Amino acid sequence: MLADVRLTEFNERVVLRFGATYGPSVLEDHVLTSFDGRTAAQAIDDGVEPRDVWRALCLDFDVPRDQW
């Protein structure tokens, strides 16, 4: 489970989970249900902790909890 995730690790997790091609699209295009209509990229730009954005992505994409 994530305790403290740096942006670099966040991006690595996105690529590992969603792939090098689809991952960037997930960050830019998918609107997170728990961040007031913002995408992951927008949330990060707004200063939301990468850990929290990762958890929101995991929830939205039904990632098994042991992979958070």
PDB file of N, CA and C in Angstrom:
ATOM      1  N   MET A   1       0.840  -1.187   0.000  1.00  0.00           N
ATOM      2  CA  MET A   1       0.000   0.000   0.000  1.00  0.00           C
ATOM      3  C   MET A   1       0.881   1.246   0.000  1.00  0.00           C
ATOM      4  N   LEU A   2       0.415   2.277  -0.630  1.00  0.00           N
ATOM      5  CA  LEU A   2       1.193   3.496  -0.745  1.00  0.00           C
ATOM      6  C   LEU A   2       1.156   4.301   0.543  1.00  0.00           C
ATOM      7  N   ALA A   3       2.294   4.704   0.971  1.00  0.00           N
ATOM      8  CA  ALA A   3       2.355   5.615   2.105  1.00  0.00           C
ATOM      9  C   ALA A   3       2.637   7.018   1.583  1.00  0.00           C
ATOM     10  N   ASP A   4       3.685   7.128   0.795  1.00  0.00           N
ATOM     11  CA  ASP A   4       4.067   8.412   0.236  1.00  0.00           C
ATOM     12  C   ASP A   4       4.570   8.153  -1.178  1.00  0.00           C
ATOM     13  N   VAL A   5       3.904   8.713  -2.154  1.00  0.00           N
ATOM     14  CA  VAL A   5       4.267   8.460  -3.543  1.00  0.00           C
ATOM     15  C   VAL A   5       4.765   9.740  -4.177  1.00  0.00           C
ATOM     16  N   ARG A   6       5.941   9.684  -4.729  1.00  0.00           N
ATOM     17  CA  ARG A   6       6.488  10.818  -5.478  1.00  0.00           C
ATOM     18  C   ARG A   6       5.910  10.777  -6.888  1.00  0.00           C
ATOM     19  N   LEU A   7       5.971  11.896  -7.553  1.00  0.00           N
ATOM     20  CA  LEU A   7       5.409  11.998  -8.896  1.00  0.00           C
ATOM     21  C   LEU A   7       6.054  10.992  -9.848  1.00  0.00           C
ATOM     22  N   THR A   8       7.355  10.790  -9.726  1.00  0.00           N
ATOM     23  CA  THR A   8       8.046   9.828 -10.586  1.00  0.00           C
ATOM     24  C   THR A   8       7.487   8.429 -10.383  1.00  0.00           C
ATOM     25  N   GLU A   9       7.306   8.035  -9.136  1.00  0.00           N
ATOM     26  CA  GLU A   9       6.755   6.713  -8.843  1.00  0.00           C
ATOM     27  C   GLU A   9       5.310   6.614  -9.320  1.00  0.00           C
ATOM     28  N   PHE A  10       4.557   7.678  -9.156  1.00  0.00           N
ATOM     29  CA  PHE A  10       3.180   7.716  -9.642  1.00  0.00           C
ATOM     30  C   PHE A  10       3.148   7.430 -11.142  1.00  0.00           C
ATOM     31  N   ASN A  11       3.998   8.132 -11.894  1.00  0.00           N
ATOM     32  CA  ASN A  11       4.031   7.938 -13.349  1.00  0.00           C
ATOM     33  C   ASN A  11       4.468   6.521 -13.712  1.00  0.00           C
ATOM     34  N   GLU A  12       5.408   5.968 -12.960  1.00  0.00           N
ATOM     35  CA  GLU A  12       5.829   4.583 -13.194  1.00  0.00           C
ATOM     36  C   GLU A  12       4.678   3.618 -12.963  1.00  0.00           C
ATOM     37  N   ARG A  13       3.918   3.841 -11.909  1.00  0.00           N
ATOM     38  CA  ARG A  13       2.774   2.971 -11.617  1.00  0.00           C
ATOM     39  C   ARG A  13       1.717   3.052 -12.706  1.00  0.00           C
ATOM     40  N   VAL A  14       1.489   4.261 -13.211  1.00  0.00           N
ATOM     41  CA  VAL A  14       0.513   4.429 -14.291  1.00  0.00           C
ATOM     42  C   VAL A  14       0.940   3.632 -15.518  1.00  0.00           C
ATOM     43  N   VAL A  15       2.205   3.723 -15.887  1.00  0.00           N
ATOM     44  CA  VAL A  15       2.705   2.999 -17.061  1.00  0.00           C
ATOM     45  C   VAL A  15       2.645   1.490 -16.818  1.00  0.00           C
ATOM     46  N   LEU A  16       3.035   1.050 -15.630  1.00  0.00           N
ATOM     47  CA  LEU A  16       2.990  -0.389 -15.337  1.00  0.00           C
ATOM     48  C   LEU A  16       1.574  -0.929 -15.371  1.00  0.00           C
ATOM     49  N   ARG A  17       0.634  -0.159 -14.859  1.00  0.00           N
ATOM     50  CA  ARG A  17      -0.752  -0.625 -14.778  1.00  0.00           C
ATOM     51  C   ARG A  17      -1.486  -0.497 -16.108  1.00  0.00           C
ATOM     52  N   PHE A  18      -1.313   0.630 -16.782  1.00  0.00           N
ATOM     53  CA  PHE A  18      -2.116   0.932 -17.973  1.00  0.00           C
ATOM     54  C   PHE A  18      -1.340   0.857 -19.288  1.00  0.00           C
ATOM     55  N   GLY A  19      -0.018   0.783 -19.209  1.00  0.00           N
ATOM     56  CA  GLY A  19       0.795   0.685 -20.409  1.00  0.00           C
ATOM     57  C   GLY A  19       1.337   2.035 -20.845  1.00  0.00           C
ATOM     58  N   ALA A  20       2.401   1.971 -21.622  1.00  0.00           N
ATOM     59  CA  ALA A  20       3.085   3.188 -22.061  1.00  0.00           C
ATOM     60  C   ALA A  20       2.236   4.012 -23.035  1.00  0.00           C
ATOM     61  N   THR A  21       1.345   3.364 -23.751  1.00  0.00           N
ATOM     62  CA  THR A  21       0.502   4.076 -24.709  1.00  0.00           C
ATOM     63  C   THR A  21      -0.793   4.554 -24.074  1.00  0.00           C
ATOM     64  N   TYR A  22      -1.466   3.674 -23.336  1.00  0.00           N
ATOM     65  CA  TYR A  22      -2.765   4.008 -22.754  1.00  0.00           C
ATOM     66  C   TYR A  22      -2.624   4.842 -21.478  1.00  0.00           C
ATOM     67  N   GLY A  23      -1.549   4.677 -20.734  1.00  0.00           N
ATOM     68  CA  GLY A  23      -1.357   5.390 -19.471  1.00  0.00           C
ATOM     69  C   GLY A  23      -1.476   6.897 -19.589  1.00  0.00           C
ATOM     70  N   PRO A  24      -0.753   7.523 -20.516  1.00  0.00           N
ATOM     71  CA  PRO A  24      -0.884   8.977 -20.662  1.00  0.00           C
ATOM     72  C   PRO A  24      -2.305   9.416 -21.013  1.00  0.00           C
ATOM     73  N   SER A  25      -3.011   8.601 -21.771  1.00  0.00           N
ATOM     74  CA  SER A  25      -4.402   8.910 -22.099  1.00  0.00           C
ATOM     75  C   SER A  25      -5.276   8.868 -20.848  1.00  0.00           C
ATOM     76  N   VAL A  26      -5.028   7.894 -19.993  1.00  0.00           N
ATOM     77  CA  VAL A  26      -5.776   7.801 -18.733  1.00  0.00           C
ATOM     78  C   VAL A  26      -5.574   9.085 -17.925  1.00  0.00           C
ATOM     79  N   LEU A  27      -4.340   9.559 -17.858  1.00  0.00           N
ATOM     80  CA  LEU A  27      -4.045  10.762 -17.081  1.00  0.00           C
ATOM     81  C   LEU A  27      -4.709  12.004 -17.657  1.00  0.00           C
ATOM     82  N   GLU A  28      -4.747  12.111 -18.961  1.00  0.00           N
ATOM     83  CA  GLU A  28      -5.243  13.316 -19.627  1.00  0.00           C
ATOM     84  C   GLU A  28      -6.741  13.299 -19.924  1.00  0.00           C
ATOM     85  N   ASP A  29      -7.314  12.116 -20.131  1.00  0.00           N
ATOM     86  CA  ASP A  29      -8.683  12.034 -20.634  1.00  0.00           C
ATOM     87  C   ASP A  29      -9.723  11.519 -19.642  1.00  0.00           C
ATOM     88  N   HIS A  30      -9.313  10.675 -18.711  1.00  0.00           N
ATOM     89  CA  HIS A  30     -10.285  10.090 -17.779  1.00  0.00           C
ATOM     90  C   HIS A  30     -10.619  11.087 -16.673  1.00  0.00           C
ATOM     91  N   VAL A  31     -11.896  11.395 -16.523  1.00  0.00           N
ATOM     92  CA  VAL A  31     -12.347  12.286 -15.459  1.00  0.00           C
ATOM     93  C   VAL A  31     -12.558  11.451 -14.199  1.00  0.00           C
ATOM     94  N   LEU A  32     -11.835  11.816 -13.152  1.00  0.00           N
ATOM     95  CA  LEU A  32     -11.913  11.081 -11.891  1.00  0.00           C
ATOM     96  C   LEU A  32     -13.227  11.376 -11.181  1.00  0.00           C
ATOM     97  N   THR A  33     -13.875  10.334 -10.711  1.00  0.00           N
ATOM     98  CA  THR A  33     -15.164  10.510 -10.059  1.00  0.00           C
ATOM     99  C   THR A  33     -15.046  11.241  -8.730  1.00  0.00           C
ATOM    100  N   SER A  34     -13.895  11.163  -8.090  1.00  0.00           N
ATOM    101  CA  SER A  34     -13.754  11.760  -6.760  1.00  0.00           C
ATOM    102  C   SER A  34     -13.010  13.094  -6.736  1.00  0.00           C
ATOM    103  N   PHE A  35     -12.771  13.699  -7.899  1.00  0.00           N
ATOM    104  CA  PHE A  35     -12.039  14.962  -7.928  1.00  0.00           C
ATOM    105  C   PHE A  35     -12.774  16.042  -8.706  1.00  0.00           C
ATOM    106  N   ASP A  36     -14.056  16.155  -8.501  1.00  0.00           N
ATOM    107  CA  ASP A  36     -14.854  17.263  -9.043  1.00  0.00           C
ATOM    108  C   ASP A  36     -14.676  17.490 -10.537  1.00  0.00           C
ATOM    109  N   GLY A  37     -14.690  16.428 -11.304  1.00  0.00           N
ATOM    110  CA  GLY A  37     -14.624  16.561 -12.752  1.00  0.00           C
ATOM    111  C   GLY A  37     -13.251  16.826 -13.314  1.00  0.00           C
ATOM    112  N   ARG A  38     -12.220  16.651 -12.495  1.00  0.00           N
ATOM    113  CA  ARG A  38     -10.855  16.859 -12.989  1.00  0.00           C
ATOM    114  C   ARG A  38     -10.250  15.542 -13.441  1.00  0.00           C
ATOM    115  N   THR A  39      -9.351  15.639 -14.389  1.00  0.00           N
ATOM    116  CA  THR A  39      -8.576  14.471 -14.787  1.00  0.00           C
ATOM    117  C   THR A  39      -7.438  14.295 -13.787  1.00  0.00           C
ATOM    118  N   ALA A  40      -6.749  13.169 -13.875  1.00  0.00           N
ATOM    119  CA  ALA A  40      -5.596  12.933 -13.002  1.00  0.00           C
ATOM    120  C   ALA A  40      -4.531  14.004 -13.236  1.00  0.00           C
ATOM    121  N   ALA A  41      -4.295  14.341 -14.489  1.00  0.00           N
ATOM    122  CA  ALA A  41      -3.292  15.362 -14.806  1.00  0.00           C
ATOM    123  C   ALA A  41      -3.683  16.717 -14.212  1.00  0.00           C
ATOM    124  N   GLN A  42      -4.945  17.070 -14.305  1.00  0.00           N
ATOM    125  CA  GLN A  42      -5.403  18.331 -13.732  1.00  0.00           C
ATOM    126  C   GLN A  42      -5.272  18.329 -12.209  1.00  0.00           C
ATOM    127  N   ALA A  43      -5.626  17.215 -11.587  1.00  0.00           N
ATOM    128  CA  ALA A  43      -5.528  17.118 -10.131  1.00  0.00           C
ATOM    129  C   ALA A  43      -4.075  17.279  -9.679  1.00  0.00           C
ATOM    130  N   ILE A  44      -3.165  16.606 -10.370  1.00  0.00           N
ATOM    131  CA  ILE A  44      -1.737  16.735 -10.046  1.00  0.00           C
ATOM    132  C   ILE A  44      -1.291  18.193 -10.224  1.00  0.00           C
ATOM    133  N   ASP A  45      -1.682  18.807 -11.333  1.00  0.00           N
ATOM    134  CA  ASP A  45      -1.325  20.206 -11.587  1.00  0.00           C
ATOM    135  C   ASP A  45      -1.886  21.140 -10.518  1.00  0.00           C
ATOM    136  N   ASP A  46      -3.033  20.769  -9.951  1.00  0.00           N
ATOM    137  CA  ASP A  46      -3.668  21.580  -8.907  1.00  0.00           C
ATOM    138  C   ASP A  46      -3.085  21.331  -7.522  1.00  0.00           C
ATOM    139  N   GLY A  47      -2.098  20.435  -7.446  1.00  0.00           N
ATOM    140  CA  GLY A  47      -1.423  20.205  -6.175  1.00  0.00           C
ATOM    141  C   GLY A  47      -1.926  19.040  -5.350  1.00  0.00           C
ATOM    142  N   VAL A  48      -2.818  18.239  -5.918  1.00  0.00           N
ATOM    143  CA  VAL A  48      -3.286  17.049  -5.200  1.00  0.00           C
ATOM    144  C   VAL A  48      -2.127  16.058  -5.108  1.00  0.00           C
ATOM    145  N   GLU A  49      -1.976  15.438  -3.972  1.00  0.00           N
ATOM    146  CA  GLU A  49      -0.898  14.466  -3.765  1.00  0.00           C
ATOM    147  C   GLU A  49      -1.015  13.327  -4.777  1.00  0.00           C
ATOM    148  N   PRO A  50       0.095  12.949  -5.415  1.00  0.00           N
ATOM    149  CA  PRO A  50       0.063  11.827  -6.355  1.00  0.00           C
ATOM    150  C   PRO A  50      -0.532  10.557  -5.735  1.00  0.00           C
ATOM    151  N   ARG A  51      -0.268  10.323  -4.452  1.00  0.00           N
ATOM    152  CA  ARG A  51      -0.825   9.158  -3.757  1.00  0.00           C
ATOM    153  C   ARG A  51      -2.358   9.155  -3.847  1.00  0.00           C
ATOM    154  N   ASP A  52      -2.969  10.315  -3.630  1.00  0.00           N
ATOM    155  CA  ASP A  52      -4.419  10.411  -3.649  1.00  0.00           C
ATOM    156  C   ASP A  52      -4.980  10.251  -5.058  1.00  0.00           C
ATOM    157  N   VAL A  53      -4.256  10.770  -6.031  1.00  0.00           N
ATOM    158  CA  VAL A  53      -4.684  10.613  -7.425  1.00  0.00           C
ATOM    159  C   VAL A  53      -4.575   9.144  -7.833  1.00  0.00           C
ATOM    160  N   TRP A  54      -3.495   8.480  -7.418  1.00  0.00           N
ATOM    161  CA  TRP A  54      -3.334   7.060  -7.724  1.00  0.00           C
ATOM    162  C   TRP A  54      -4.485   6.253  -7.133  1.00  0.00           C
ATOM    163  N   ARG A  55      -4.842   6.526  -5.897  1.00  0.00           N
ATOM    164  CA  ARG A  55      -5.952   5.809  -5.255  1.00  0.00           C
ATOM    165  C   ARG A  55      -7.257   6.043  -6.007  1.00  0.00           C
ATOM    166  N   ALA A  56      -7.472   7.271  -6.452  1.00  0.00           N
ATOM    167  CA  ALA A  56      -8.689   7.569  -7.214  1.00  0.00           C
ATOM    168  C   ALA A  56      -8.709   6.806  -8.536  1.00  0.00           C
ATOM    169  N   LEU A  57      -7.570   6.740  -9.204  1.00  0.00           N
ATOM    170  CA  LEU A  57      -7.485   5.957 -10.447  1.00  0.00           C
ATOM    171  C   LEU A  57      -7.772   4.482 -10.167  1.00  0.00           C
ATOM    172  N   CYS A  58      -7.193   3.975  -9.095  1.00  0.00           N
ATOM    173  CA  CYS A  58      -7.404   2.570  -8.734  1.00  0.00           C
ATOM    174  C   CYS A  58      -8.877   2.279  -8.480  1.00  0.00           C
ATOM    175  N   LEU A  59      -9.543   3.176  -7.801  1.00  0.00           N
ATOM    176  CA  LEU A  59     -10.976   2.997  -7.545  1.00  0.00           C
ATOM    177  C   LEU A  59     -11.769   3.023  -8.844  1.00  0.00           C
ATOM    178  N   ASP A  60     -11.499   4.005  -9.683  1.00  0.00           N
ATOM    179  CA  ASP A  60     -12.251   4.149 -10.932  1.00  0.00           C
ATOM    180  C   ASP A  60     -12.039   2.979 -11.882  1.00  0.00           C
ATOM    181  N   PHE A  61     -10.853   2.392 -11.858  1.00  0.00           N
ATOM    182  CA  PHE A  61     -10.538   1.310 -12.790  1.00  0.00           C
ATOM    183  C   PHE A  61     -10.555  -0.068 -12.132  1.00  0.00           C
ATOM    184  N   ASP A  62     -11.133  -0.145 -10.936  1.00  0.00           N
ATOM    185  CA  ASP A  62     -11.263  -1.434 -10.222  1.00  0.00           C
ATOM    186  C   ASP A  62      -9.946  -2.193 -10.103  1.00  0.00           C
ATOM    187  N   VAL A  63      -8.890  -1.476  -9.800  1.00  0.00           N
ATOM    188  CA  VAL A  63      -7.592  -2.102  -9.581  1.00  0.00           C
ATOM    189  C   VAL A  63      -7.665  -2.835  -8.244  1.00  0.00           C
ATOM    190  N   PRO A  64      -7.256  -4.100  -8.188  1.00  0.00           N
ATOM    191  CA  PRO A  64      -7.284  -4.826  -6.925  1.00  0.00           C
ATOM    192  C   PRO A  64      -6.507  -4.069  -5.846  1.00  0.00           C
ATOM    193  N   ARG A  65      -7.064  -4.048  -4.667  1.00  0.00           N
ATOM    194  CA  ARG A  65      -6.503  -3.246  -3.567  1.00  0.00           C
ATOM    195  C   ARG A  65      -5.048  -3.609  -3.248  1.00  0.00           C
ATOM    196  N   ASP A  66      -4.671  -4.831  -3.462  1.00  0.00           N
ATOM    197  CA  ASP A  66      -3.277  -5.227  -3.162  1.00  0.00           C
ATOM    198  C   ASP A  66      -2.291  -4.639  -4.175  1.00  0.00           C
ATOM    199  N   GLN A  67      -2.772  -4.006  -5.226  1.00  0.00           N
ATOM    200  CA  GLN A  67      -1.910  -3.372  -6.220  1.00  0.00           C
ATOM    201  C   GLN A  67      -1.855  -1.844  -6.074  1.00  0.00           C
ATOM    202  N   TRP A  68      -2.491  -1.340  -5.037  1.00  0.00           N
ATOM    203  CA  TRP A  68      -2.479   0.102  -4.795  1.00  0.00           C
ATOM    204  C   TRP A  68      -1.137   0.474  -4.282  1.00  0.00           C
TER     205      TRP A  68
END
